[in-house]
Amino acid sequence: MEIKAATDRLLKLSPSVRVVTVCDMNGKIVYTAHSKRVRNILSASESRASLRNAVNAWKGRKALARKLGRCKYVVAEYEKIKRITMPAGRNHLLYVTTTTGMDHNKVIRKARSFQ
């Protein structure tokens, strides 16, 4: 499925989905979209830093995959948002932020249906 179409479908999954980003394993953004209903919490540079941190953490998980198995997804819940990170193919990451009340399993199931 085309990246733009997939990310737009995730964004339309619920009003609770805030931002959907696909990046490569160097943190370079391939595509990003955010809901018009929400106001960004982080500045553009803070968002890029958060994305880089997620990519670096994912690389660390890949290093352990031989012993633990491949990581399927990671959910980080903050006081104001949830962040879901999961693979998007072999060389890309899907990075989604939602409200804290959103059932992150809905995002995970939908994203897996694209692969």
N, C-alpha and C. Protein backbone atom coordinates (compact mmCIF):
# COMPACT_ATOMS: atom_id res chain seq x y z
N MET A 1 0.85 -1.18 0.00
CA MET A 1 0.00 0.00 0.00
C MET A 1 0.89 1.24 0.00
N GLU A 2 0.48 2.23 -0.70
CA GLU A 2 1.22 3.48 -0.76
C GLU A 2 1.30 4.12 0.63
N ILE A 3 2.46 4.68 0.94
CA ILE A 3 2.71 5.24 2.27
C ILE A 3 1.71 6.33 2.63
N LYS A 4 1.46 7.25 1.71
CA LYS A 4 0.55 8.35 2.01
C LYS A 4 -0.85 7.82 2.32
N ALA A 5 -1.32 6.89 1.53
CA ALA A 5 -2.66 6.34 1.75
C ALA A 5 -2.74 5.62 3.10
N ALA A 6 -1.70 4.87 3.43
CA ALA A 6 -1.69 4.14 4.71
C ALA A 6 -1.67 5.10 5.89
N THR A 7 -0.84 6.12 5.83
CA THR A 7 -0.77 7.06 6.95
C THR A 7 -2.07 7.86 7.07
N ASP A 8 -2.65 8.22 5.96
CA ASP A 8 -3.93 8.94 6.00
C ASP A 8 -5.03 8.06 6.60
N ARG A 9 -5.02 6.76 6.30
CA ARG A 9 -6.01 5.86 6.88
C ARG A 9 -5.83 5.74 8.39
N LEU A 10 -4.58 5.71 8.84
CA LEU A 10 -4.33 5.69 10.29
C LEU A 10 -4.81 6.97 10.94
N LEU A 11 -4.55 8.09 10.29
CA LEU A 11 -4.96 9.37 10.84
C LEU A 11 -6.48 9.47 10.95
N LYS A 12 -7.18 8.86 10.02
CA LYS A 12 -8.65 8.89 10.02
C LYS A 12 -9.27 7.82 10.91
N LEU A 13 -8.44 6.97 11.49
CA LEU A 13 -8.93 5.88 12.34
C LEU A 13 -9.75 6.40 13.52
N SER A 14 -9.31 7.53 14.09
CA SER A 14 -9.99 8.09 15.25
C SER A 14 -9.58 9.55 15.41
N PRO A 15 -10.46 10.37 15.97
CA PRO A 15 -10.07 11.75 16.28
C PRO A 15 -8.94 11.81 17.31
N SER A 16 -8.70 10.69 17.99
CA SER A 16 -7.65 10.64 19.00
C SER A 16 -6.26 10.47 18.40
N VAL A 17 -6.16 10.12 17.12
CA VAL A 17 -4.86 10.00 16.47
C VAL A 17 -4.39 11.41 16.13
N ARG A 18 -3.21 11.76 16.63
CA ARG A 18 -2.70 13.12 16.47
C ARG A 18 -1.77 13.27 15.27
N VAL A 19 -0.73 12.44 15.23
CA VAL A 19 0.30 12.55 14.19
C VAL A 19 0.68 11.15 13.73
N VAL A 20 0.90 10.99 12.42
CA VAL A 20 1.38 9.74 11.85
C VAL A 20 2.59 10.08 10.98
N THR A 21 3.72 9.43 11.27
CA THR A 21 4.96 9.69 10.54
C THR A 21 5.59 8.37 10.14
N VAL A 22 6.12 8.32 8.93
CA VAL A 22 6.96 7.21 8.49
C VAL A 22 8.34 7.79 8.24
N CYS A 23 9.35 7.12 8.81
CA CYS A 23 10.73 7.58 8.61
C CYS A 23 11.61 6.40 8.28
N ASP A 24 12.80 6.70 7.73
CA ASP A 24 13.76 5.63 7.50
C ASP A 24 14.56 5.39 8.78
N MET A 25 15.47 4.46 8.73
CA MET A 25 16.22 4.09 9.94
C MET A 25 17.32 5.09 10.30
N ASN A 26 17.39 6.18 9.57
CA ASN A 26 18.27 7.29 9.93
C ASN A 26 17.49 8.46 10.49
N GLY A 27 16.18 8.30 10.61
CA GLY A 27 15.33 9.36 11.14
C GLY A 27 14.85 10.35 10.09
N LYS A 28 15.16 10.09 8.82
CA LYS A 28 14.70 10.98 7.75
C LYS A 28 13.22 10.70 7.49
N ILE A 29 12.42 11.76 7.55
CA ILE A 29 10.97 11.62 7.38
C ILE A 29 10.65 11.34 5.92
N VAL A 30 9.90 10.26 5.71
CA VAL A 30 9.44 9.89 4.37
C VAL A 30 8.08 10.54 4.12
N TYR A 31 7.22 10.50 5.15
CA TYR A 31 5.90 11.13 5.05
C TYR A 31 5.39 11.39 6.46
N THR A 32 4.71 12.49 6.63
CA THR A 32 4.08 12.79 7.91
C THR A 32 2.77 13.53 7.68
N ALA A 33 1.83 13.28 8.56
CA ALA A 33 0.54 13.97 8.51
C ALA A 33 0.05 14.14 9.93
N HIS A 34 -0.59 15.26 10.19
CA HIS A 34 -1.14 15.45 11.53
C HIS A 34 -2.59 15.92 11.43
N SER A 35 -3.33 15.59 12.46
CA SER A 35 -4.74 15.94 12.52
C SER A 35 -4.90 17.46 12.61
N LYS A 36 -5.86 17.96 11.90
CA LYS A 36 -6.16 19.40 11.96
C LYS A 36 -6.88 19.75 13.26
N ARG A 37 -7.33 18.73 13.98
CA ARG A 37 -8.08 18.94 15.22
C ARG A 37 -7.18 19.27 16.41
N VAL A 38 -5.89 18.99 16.28
CA VAL A 38 -5.00 19.13 17.43
C VAL A 38 -3.93 20.19 17.17
N ARG A 39 -3.43 20.70 18.27
CA ARG A 39 -2.33 21.66 18.22
C ARG A 39 -1.06 20.90 18.60
N ASN A 40 0.03 21.16 17.87
CA ASN A 40 1.30 20.50 18.17
C ASN A 40 1.76 20.88 19.57
N ILE A 41 2.24 19.89 20.30
CA ILE A 41 2.77 20.12 21.64
C ILE A 41 4.25 20.48 21.55
N LEU A 42 4.98 19.79 20.66
CA LEU A 42 6.41 20.01 20.50
C LEU A 42 6.69 20.92 19.32
N SER A 43 7.78 21.64 19.39
CA SER A 43 8.23 22.42 18.24
C SER A 43 8.74 21.46 17.16
N ALA A 44 8.99 21.97 15.98
CA ALA A 44 9.49 21.12 14.89
C ALA A 44 10.82 20.47 15.27
N SER A 45 11.71 21.22 15.88
CA SER A 45 13.01 20.64 16.25
C SER A 45 12.86 19.61 17.37
N GLU A 46 11.95 19.85 18.31
CA GLU A 46 11.70 18.87 19.37
C GLU A 46 11.07 17.59 18.80
N SER A 47 10.20 17.75 17.82
CA SER A 47 9.59 16.59 17.16
C SER A 47 10.65 15.76 16.45
N ARG A 48 11.56 16.42 15.74
CA ARG A 48 12.66 15.70 15.07
C ARG A 48 13.54 14.98 16.08
N ALA A 49 13.82 15.63 17.21
CA ALA A 49 14.64 15.00 18.26
C ALA A 49 13.93 13.77 18.83
N SER A 50 12.63 13.86 19.05
CA SER A 50 11.86 12.73 19.56
C SER A 50 11.89 11.58 18.57
N LEU A 51 11.77 11.89 17.30
CA LEU A 51 11.82 10.88 16.25
C LEU A 51 13.20 10.22 16.21
N ARG A 52 14.26 11.02 16.29
CA ARG A 52 15.63 10.47 16.30
C ARG A 52 15.81 9.55 17.51
N ASN A 53 15.30 9.95 18.66
CA ASN A 53 15.40 9.11 19.85
C ASN A 53 14.69 7.77 19.63
N ALA A 54 13.52 7.81 19.03
CA ALA A 54 12.77 6.58 18.76
C ALA A 54 13.53 5.68 17.79
N VAL A 55 14.13 6.27 16.77
CA VAL A 55 14.92 5.49 15.80
C VAL A 55 16.12 4.85 16.49
N ASN A 56 16.83 5.62 17.30
CA ASN A 56 18.00 5.08 18.00
C ASN A 56 17.61 3.96 18.95
N ALA A 57 16.50 4.12 19.65
CA ALA A 57 16.02 3.06 20.55
C ALA A 57 15.65 1.82 19.74
N TRP A 58 15.06 2.02 18.57
CA TRP A 58 14.68 0.89 17.73
C TRP A 58 15.92 0.13 17.26
N LYS A 59 16.96 0.87 16.91
CA LYS A 59 18.22 0.22 16.50
C LYS A 59 18.77 -0.64 17.64
N GLY A 60 18.65 -0.16 18.87
CA GLY A 60 19.09 -0.95 20.02
C GLY A 60 18.28 -2.22 20.17
N ARG A 61 16.98 -2.14 19.91
CA ARG A 61 16.13 -3.33 19.99
C ARG A 61 16.50 -4.33 18.90
N LYS A 62 16.85 -3.82 17.71
CA LYS A 62 17.24 -4.71 16.62
C LYS A 62 18.50 -5.49 16.99
N ALA A 63 19.39 -4.88 17.76
CA ALA A 63 20.62 -5.55 18.17
C ALA A 63 20.33 -6.74 19.08
N LEU A 64 19.22 -6.72 19.78
CA LEU A 64 18.85 -7.81 20.70
C LEU A 64 17.93 -8.84 20.05
N ALA A 65 17.52 -8.60 18.82
CA ALA A 65 16.52 -9.44 18.17
C ALA A 65 16.97 -10.89 18.03
N ARG A 66 18.24 -11.13 17.86
CA ARG A 66 18.73 -12.50 17.70
C ARG A 66 18.36 -13.34 18.93
N LYS A 67 18.40 -12.72 20.11
CA LYS A 67 18.10 -13.45 21.34
C LYS A 67 16.64 -13.33 21.77
N LEU A 68 16.04 -12.17 21.57
CA LEU A 68 14.69 -11.92 22.06
C LEU A 68 13.60 -12.11 21.01
N GLY A 69 13.99 -12.08 19.76
CA GLY A 69 13.03 -12.04 18.66
C GLY A 69 12.82 -10.59 18.25
N ARG A 70 12.23 -10.41 17.08
CA ARG A 70 12.01 -9.04 16.57
C ARG A 70 10.98 -8.31 17.42
N CYS A 71 11.25 -7.06 17.68
CA CYS A 71 10.30 -6.22 18.41
C CYS A 71 9.11 -5.93 17.48
N LYS A 72 7.91 -6.07 17.99
CA LYS A 72 6.71 -5.85 17.19
C LYS A 72 6.23 -4.42 17.25
N TYR A 73 6.30 -3.83 18.43
CA TYR A 73 5.90 -2.44 18.62
C TYR A 73 6.33 -1.99 20.00
N VAL A 74 6.33 -0.67 20.19
CA VAL A 74 6.62 -0.08 21.49
C VAL A 74 5.59 1.02 21.73
N VAL A 75 5.05 1.05 22.94
CA VAL A 75 4.12 2.10 23.33
C VAL A 75 4.74 2.86 24.49
N ALA A 76 4.85 4.16 24.33
CA ALA A 76 5.30 5.02 25.42
C ALA A 76 4.12 5.92 25.77
N GLU A 77 3.72 5.89 27.04
CA GLU A 77 2.61 6.73 27.46
C GLU A 77 3.14 7.84 28.36
N TYR A 78 2.89 9.05 27.94
CA TYR A 78 3.25 10.24 28.70
C TYR A 78 1.98 10.79 29.34
N GLU A 79 2.09 11.84 30.10
CA GLU A 79 0.89 12.42 30.70
C GLU A 79 -0.07 12.99 29.67
N LYS A 80 0.46 13.48 28.54
CA LYS A 80 -0.38 14.15 27.56
C LYS A 80 -0.62 13.36 26.28
N ILE A 81 0.24 12.41 25.95
CA ILE A 81 0.09 11.64 24.71
C ILE A 81 0.59 10.21 24.89
N LYS A 82 0.23 9.38 23.90
CA LYS A 82 0.85 8.06 23.73
C LYS A 82 1.63 8.11 22.43
N ARG A 83 2.76 7.39 22.41
CA ARG A 83 3.56 7.28 21.19
C ARG A 83 3.72 5.80 20.87
N ILE A 84 3.31 5.42 19.67
CA ILE A 84 3.42 4.04 19.22
C ILE A 84 4.47 4.01 18.12
N THR A 85 5.45 3.14 18.28
CA THR A 85 6.50 2.99 17.28
C THR A 85 6.51 1.53 16.85
N MET A 86 6.53 1.30 15.54
CA MET A 86 6.57 -0.06 15.04
C MET A 86 7.19 -0.09 13.65
N PRO A 87 7.66 -1.26 13.23
CA PRO A 87 8.28 -1.32 11.90
C PRO A 87 7.25 -1.08 10.81
N ALA A 88 7.73 -0.46 9.75
CA ALA A 88 6.94 -0.27 8.53
C ALA A 88 7.79 -0.85 7.41
N GLY A 89 7.72 -2.14 7.26
CA GLY A 89 8.61 -2.83 6.33
C GLY A 89 9.95 -3.07 7.01
N ARG A 90 10.96 -3.36 6.23
CA ARG A 90 12.28 -3.68 6.78
C ARG A 90 13.11 -2.45 7.13
N ASN A 91 12.92 -1.36 6.43
CA ASN A 91 13.82 -0.22 6.57
C ASN A 91 13.16 1.07 7.02
N HIS A 92 11.94 0.96 7.52
CA HIS A 92 11.22 2.16 7.93
C HIS A 92 10.52 1.93 9.27
N LEU A 93 10.23 3.03 9.94
CA LEU A 93 9.48 3.00 11.19
C LEU A 93 8.20 3.80 11.04
N LEU A 94 7.18 3.32 11.68
CA LEU A 94 5.92 4.05 11.81
C LEU A 94 5.90 4.64 13.20
N TYR A 95 5.62 5.92 13.28
CA TYR A 95 5.67 6.68 14.54
C TYR A 95 4.33 7.40 14.64
N VAL A 96 3.51 6.99 15.60
CA VAL A 96 2.15 7.52 15.72
C VAL A 96 1.96 8.09 17.12
N THR A 97 1.39 9.27 17.22
CA THR A 97 1.02 9.80 18.52
C THR A 97 -0.50 9.91 18.59
N THR A 98 -1.02 9.60 19.80
CA THR A 98 -2.45 9.65 20.04
C THR A 98 -2.70 10.32 21.38
N THR A 99 -3.96 10.55 21.68
CA THR A 99 -4.32 10.99 23.02
C THR A 99 -4.10 9.81 23.96
N THR A 100 -4.01 10.08 25.25
CA THR A 100 -3.77 9.00 26.21
C THR A 100 -4.95 8.05 26.31
N GLY A 101 -6.14 8.51 26.00
CA GLY A 101 -7.32 7.65 26.10
C GLY A 101 -7.51 6.70 24.94
N MET A 102 -6.76 6.88 23.88
CA MET A 102 -6.90 6.03 22.69
C MET A 102 -6.43 4.61 22.98
N ASP A 103 -7.17 3.64 22.50
CA ASP A 103 -6.76 2.24 22.59
C ASP A 103 -5.67 2.02 21.54
N HIS A 104 -4.44 1.93 21.97
CA HIS A 104 -3.31 1.81 21.03
C HIS A 104 -3.37 0.52 20.22
N ASN A 105 -4.08 -0.48 20.72
CA ASN A 105 -4.22 -1.73 19.96
C ASN A 105 -4.96 -1.52 18.64
N LYS A 106 -5.86 -0.54 18.58
CA LYS A 106 -6.54 -0.23 17.33
C LYS A 106 -5.55 0.25 16.28
N VAL A 107 -4.61 1.10 16.69
CA VAL A 107 -3.59 1.61 15.78
C VAL A 107 -2.70 0.45 15.32
N ILE A 108 -2.29 -0.38 16.25
CA ILE A 108 -1.39 -1.50 15.93
C ILE A 108 -2.06 -2.47 14.96
N ARG A 109 -3.31 -2.83 15.23
CA ARG A 109 -4.02 -3.75 14.33
C ARG A 109 -4.17 -3.15 12.94
N LYS A 110 -4.53 -1.88 12.86
CA LYS A 110 -4.71 -1.24 11.57
C LYS A 110 -3.40 -1.18 10.80
N ALA A 111 -2.32 -0.80 11.49
CA ALA A 111 -1.02 -0.69 10.84
C ALA A 111 -0.55 -2.06 10.35
N ARG A 112 -0.79 -3.09 11.11
CA ARG A 112 -0.39 -4.44 10.68
C ARG A 112 -1.17 -4.90 9.46
N SER A 113 -2.37 -4.40 9.30
CA SER A 113 -3.17 -4.81 8.14
C SER A 113 -2.59 -4.28 6.83
N PHE A 114 -1.71 -3.30 6.90
CA PHE A 114 -1.08 -2.74 5.70
C PHE A 114 0.09 -3.58 5.21
N GLN A 115 0.67 -4.38 6.10
CA GLN A 115 1.89 -5.09 5.74
C GLN A 115 1.65 -6.45 5.16
